[in-house]
Amino acid sequence: MFLNGSDDGYLDALPGIRRKTLSYGDATLMSEFRLRAGYPLPVHDHPQEQTGYLVSGRLRLTIGDETHEVAPGDSWSIPGGVPHGAEVLEDAVAVEVFSPVREDYLPERSWWASS
């Protein structure tokens, strides 16, 4: 599967946080998140393992009991079921991969088919 990049297909996940599923297969799903400074990502957990990479901006990311300030080029891994959240210190773009696939992140066919 090949997909061309575009500004279409972003969804409001939370106030100040937009997400777009970039591509997915049988075992993994990759999403891009656009996060606005000052809007928190509340602490949450899910069964999927999550691996991320910060493209731009700055976050204060908490995974379990550990908090770390991440900058462009930094990456992280979150085991399934571990609580995590973030403070968005600067407008940011992050790319994250989930395994297994997050069914709730599968794109709607309407925009997917037109990409």
C-alpha atoms as a PDB file:
ATOM      1  CA  MET A   1       0.000   0.000   0.000  1.00  0.00           C
ATOM      2  CA  PHE A   2       1.305   3.431  -0.961  1.00  0.00           C
ATOM      3  CA  LEU A   3      -0.304   6.687   0.098  1.00  0.00           C
ATOM      4  CA  ASN A   4       0.568  10.194  -1.008  1.00  0.00           C
ATOM      5  CA  GLY A   5       0.864  12.855   1.674  1.00  0.00           C
ATOM      6  CA  SER A   6      -1.832  15.508   1.902  1.00  0.00           C
ATOM      7  CA  ASP A   7      -3.520  17.786   4.408  1.00  0.00           C
ATOM      8  CA  ASP A   8      -6.776  15.825   4.021  1.00  0.00           C
ATOM      9  CA  GLY A   9      -8.029  13.256   6.495  1.00  0.00           C
ATOM     10  CA  TYR A  10      -7.135  14.875   9.842  1.00  0.00           C
ATOM     11  CA  LEU A  11      -9.642  14.370  12.631  1.00  0.00           C
ATOM     12  CA  ASP A  12     -10.068  16.288  15.880  1.00  0.00           C
ATOM     13  CA  ALA A  13      -9.046  13.781  18.547  1.00  0.00           C
ATOM     14  CA  LEU A  14      -9.221  16.220  21.484  1.00  0.00           C
ATOM     15  CA  PRO A  15      -9.170  20.014  21.767  1.00  0.00           C
ATOM     16  CA  GLY A  16      -5.861  21.146  20.244  1.00  0.00           C
ATOM     17  CA  ILE A  17      -4.965  17.636  19.018  1.00  0.00           C
ATOM     18  CA  ARG A  18      -5.560  16.373  15.474  1.00  0.00           C
ATOM     19  CA  ARG A  19      -4.685  12.935  14.166  1.00  0.00           C
ATOM     20  CA  LYS A  20      -4.485  11.212  10.827  1.00  0.00           C
ATOM     21  CA  THR A  21      -3.922   7.559  10.057  1.00  0.00           C
ATOM     22  CA  LEU A  22      -1.093   7.473   7.534  1.00  0.00           C
ATOM     23  CA  SER A  23      -0.914   3.774   6.697  1.00  0.00           C
ATOM     24  CA  TYR A  24      -1.655   0.401   8.233  1.00  0.00           C
ATOM     25  CA  GLY A  25      -1.179  -3.302   7.688  1.00  0.00           C
ATOM     26  CA  ASP A  26      -2.195  -6.504   9.415  1.00  0.00           C
ATOM     27  CA  ALA A  27      -0.130  -5.878  12.581  1.00  0.00           C
ATOM     28  CA  THR A  28       0.722  -2.154  12.703  1.00  0.00           C
ATOM     29  CA  LEU A  29      -0.915   1.228  12.187  1.00  0.00           C
ATOM     30  CA  MET A  30       0.953   4.547  11.767  1.00  0.00           C
ATOM     31  CA  SER A  31      -0.596   7.904  12.672  1.00  0.00           C
ATOM     32  CA  GLU A  32       0.493  11.522  12.623  1.00  0.00           C
ATOM     33  CA  PHE A  33      -0.535  13.817  15.455  1.00  0.00           C
ATOM     34  CA  ARG A  34      -0.563  17.620  15.258  1.00  0.00           C
ATOM     35  CA  LEU A  35      -0.580  19.061  18.766  1.00  0.00           C
ATOM     36  CA  ARG A  36      -1.083  22.691  19.774  1.00  0.00           C
ATOM     37  CA  ALA A  37       0.870  24.243  22.622  1.00  0.00           C
ATOM     38  CA  GLY A  38      -1.055  24.496  25.858  1.00  0.00           C
ATOM     39  CA  TYR A  39      -3.472  21.640  25.099  1.00  0.00           C
ATOM     40  CA  PRO A  40      -2.722  18.567  27.224  1.00  0.00           C
ATOM     41  CA  LEU A  41      -2.947  14.948  26.181  1.00  0.00           C
ATOM     42  CA  PRO A  42      -4.665  13.501  29.268  1.00  0.00           C
ATOM     43  CA  VAL A  43      -3.229  10.399  30.916  1.00  0.00           C
ATOM     44  CA  HIS A  44      -4.752   7.311  29.316  1.00  0.00           C
ATOM     45  CA  ASP A  45      -3.860   3.760  28.364  1.00  0.00           C
ATOM     46  CA  HIS A  46      -4.764   1.208  25.708  1.00  0.00           C
ATOM     47  CA  PRO A  47      -3.775  -2.398  25.006  1.00  0.00           C
ATOM     48  CA  GLN A  48      -1.638  -1.536  21.945  1.00  0.00           C
ATOM     49  CA  GLU A  49       2.113  -1.039  22.158  1.00  0.00           C
ATOM     50  CA  GLN A  50       2.970   2.459  20.891  1.00  0.00           C
ATOM     51  CA  THR A  51       6.262   3.704  19.439  1.00  0.00           C
ATOM     52  CA  GLY A  52       6.651   7.391  18.641  1.00  0.00           C
ATOM     53  CA  TYR A  53       8.963   9.925  17.023  1.00  0.00           C
ATOM     54  CA  LEU A  54       8.812  13.702  17.516  1.00  0.00           C
ATOM     55  CA  VAL A  55       9.135  15.483  14.169  1.00  0.00           C
ATOM     56  CA  SER A  56       8.855  19.044  15.507  1.00  0.00           C
ATOM     57  CA  GLY A  57       7.987  20.990  18.658  1.00  0.00           C
ATOM     58  CA  ARG A  58       8.455  20.026  22.292  1.00  0.00           C
ATOM     59  CA  LEU A  59       6.506  17.763  24.656  1.00  0.00           C
ATOM     60  CA  ARG A  60       6.761  16.793  28.300  1.00  0.00           C
ATOM     61  CA  LEU A  61       5.833  13.117  27.994  1.00  0.00           C
ATOM     62  CA  THR A  62       4.937  10.920  30.952  1.00  0.00           C
ATOM     63  CA  ILE A  63       5.048   7.136  30.560  1.00  0.00           C
ATOM     64  CA  GLY A  64       4.115   5.297  33.726  1.00  0.00           C
ATOM     65  CA  ASP A  65       6.084   6.960  36.531  1.00  0.00           C
ATOM     66  CA  GLU A  66       8.716   8.521  34.233  1.00  0.00           C
ATOM     67  CA  THR A  67       8.508  12.045  32.753  1.00  0.00           C
ATOM     68  CA  HIS A  68      10.858  13.284  30.046  1.00  0.00           C
ATOM     69  CA  GLU A  69      10.982  16.408  27.891  1.00  0.00           C
ATOM     70  CA  VAL A  70      11.208  15.344  24.246  1.00  0.00           C
ATOM     71  CA  ALA A  71      12.577  17.400  21.356  1.00  0.00           C
ATOM     72  CA  PRO A  72      12.653  16.870  17.580  1.00  0.00           C
ATOM     73  CA  GLY A  73      14.418  13.626  16.719  1.00  0.00           C
ATOM     74  CA  ASP A  74      13.594  11.981  20.068  1.00  0.00           C
ATOM     75  CA  SER A  75      11.595   8.758  20.176  1.00  0.00           C
ATOM     76  CA  TRP A  76       9.795   6.637  22.763  1.00  0.00           C
ATOM     77  CA  SER A  77       8.132   3.287  23.268  1.00  0.00           C
ATOM     78  CA  ILE A  78       5.098   2.638  25.459  1.00  0.00           C
ATOM     79  CA  PRO A  79       4.121  -0.914  26.396  1.00  0.00           C
ATOM     80  CA  GLY A  80       0.439  -1.778  26.073  1.00  0.00           C
ATOM     81  CA  GLY A  81      -1.615  -1.025  29.170  1.00  0.00           C
ATOM     82  CA  VAL A  82       0.841   1.552  30.605  1.00  0.00           C
ATOM     83  CA  PRO A  83      -0.703   4.959  31.474  1.00  0.00           C
ATOM     84  CA  HIS A  84       0.788   7.865  29.521  1.00  0.00           C
ATOM     85  CA  GLY A  85       0.061  11.509  28.708  1.00  0.00           C
ATOM     86  CA  ALA A  86       1.780  14.711  27.619  1.00  0.00           C
ATOM     87  CA  GLU A  87       2.011  18.437  28.087  1.00  0.00           C
ATOM     88  CA  VAL A  88       2.413  20.190  24.736  1.00  0.00           C
ATOM     89  CA  LEU A  89       5.104  22.812  25.372  1.00  0.00           C
ATOM     90  CA  GLU A  90       5.375  24.004  21.737  1.00  0.00           C
ATOM     91  CA  ASP A  91       3.227  23.249  18.704  1.00  0.00           C
ATOM     92  CA  ALA A  92       4.328  19.751  17.743  1.00  0.00           C
ATOM     93  CA  VAL A  93       4.075  16.999  15.156  1.00  0.00           C
ATOM     94  CA  ALA A  94       4.558  13.378  16.249  1.00  0.00           C
ATOM     95  CA  VAL A  95       4.407  10.141  14.266  1.00  0.00           C
ATOM     96  CA  GLU A  96       3.383   7.015  16.171  1.00  0.00           C
ATOM     97  CA  VAL A  97       3.040   3.334  15.333  1.00  0.00           C
ATOM     98  CA  PHE A  98       0.576   1.082  17.159  1.00  0.00           C
ATOM     99  CA  SER A  99       0.634  -2.706  17.364  1.00  0.00           C
ATOM    100  CA  PRO A 100      -1.690  -4.450  17.091  1.00  0.00           C
ATOM    101  CA  VAL A 101      -3.734  -2.177  14.856  1.00  0.00           C
ATOM    102  CA  ARG A 102      -6.006   0.276  16.676  1.00  0.00           C
ATOM    103  CA  GLU A 103      -9.411  -0.468  15.210  1.00  0.00           C
ATOM    104  CA  ASP A 104     -10.649   2.942  16.395  1.00  0.00           C
ATOM    105  CA  TYR A 105      -7.994   4.624  14.221  1.00  0.00           C
ATOM    106  CA  LEU A 106      -8.884   2.878  10.971  1.00  0.00           C
ATOM    107  CA  PRO A 107      -9.794   5.568   8.437  1.00  0.00           C
ATOM    108  CA  GLU A 108     -13.236   6.086   7.029  1.00  0.00           C
ATOM    109  CA  ARG A 109     -13.458   4.680   3.550  1.00  0.00           C
ATOM    110  CA  SER A 110     -14.738   7.981   2.103  1.00  0.00           C
ATOM    111  CA  TRP A 111     -11.435   9.862   2.315  1.00  0.00           C
ATOM    112  CA  TRP A 112      -9.250   6.749   2.266  1.00  0.00           C
ATOM    113  CA  ALA A 113     -10.573   5.649  -1.113  1.00  0.00           C
ATOM    114  CA  SER A 114      -9.981   9.107  -2.568  1.00  0.00           C
ATOM    115  CA  SER A 115      -6.346   9.357  -1.437  1.00  0.00           C
END
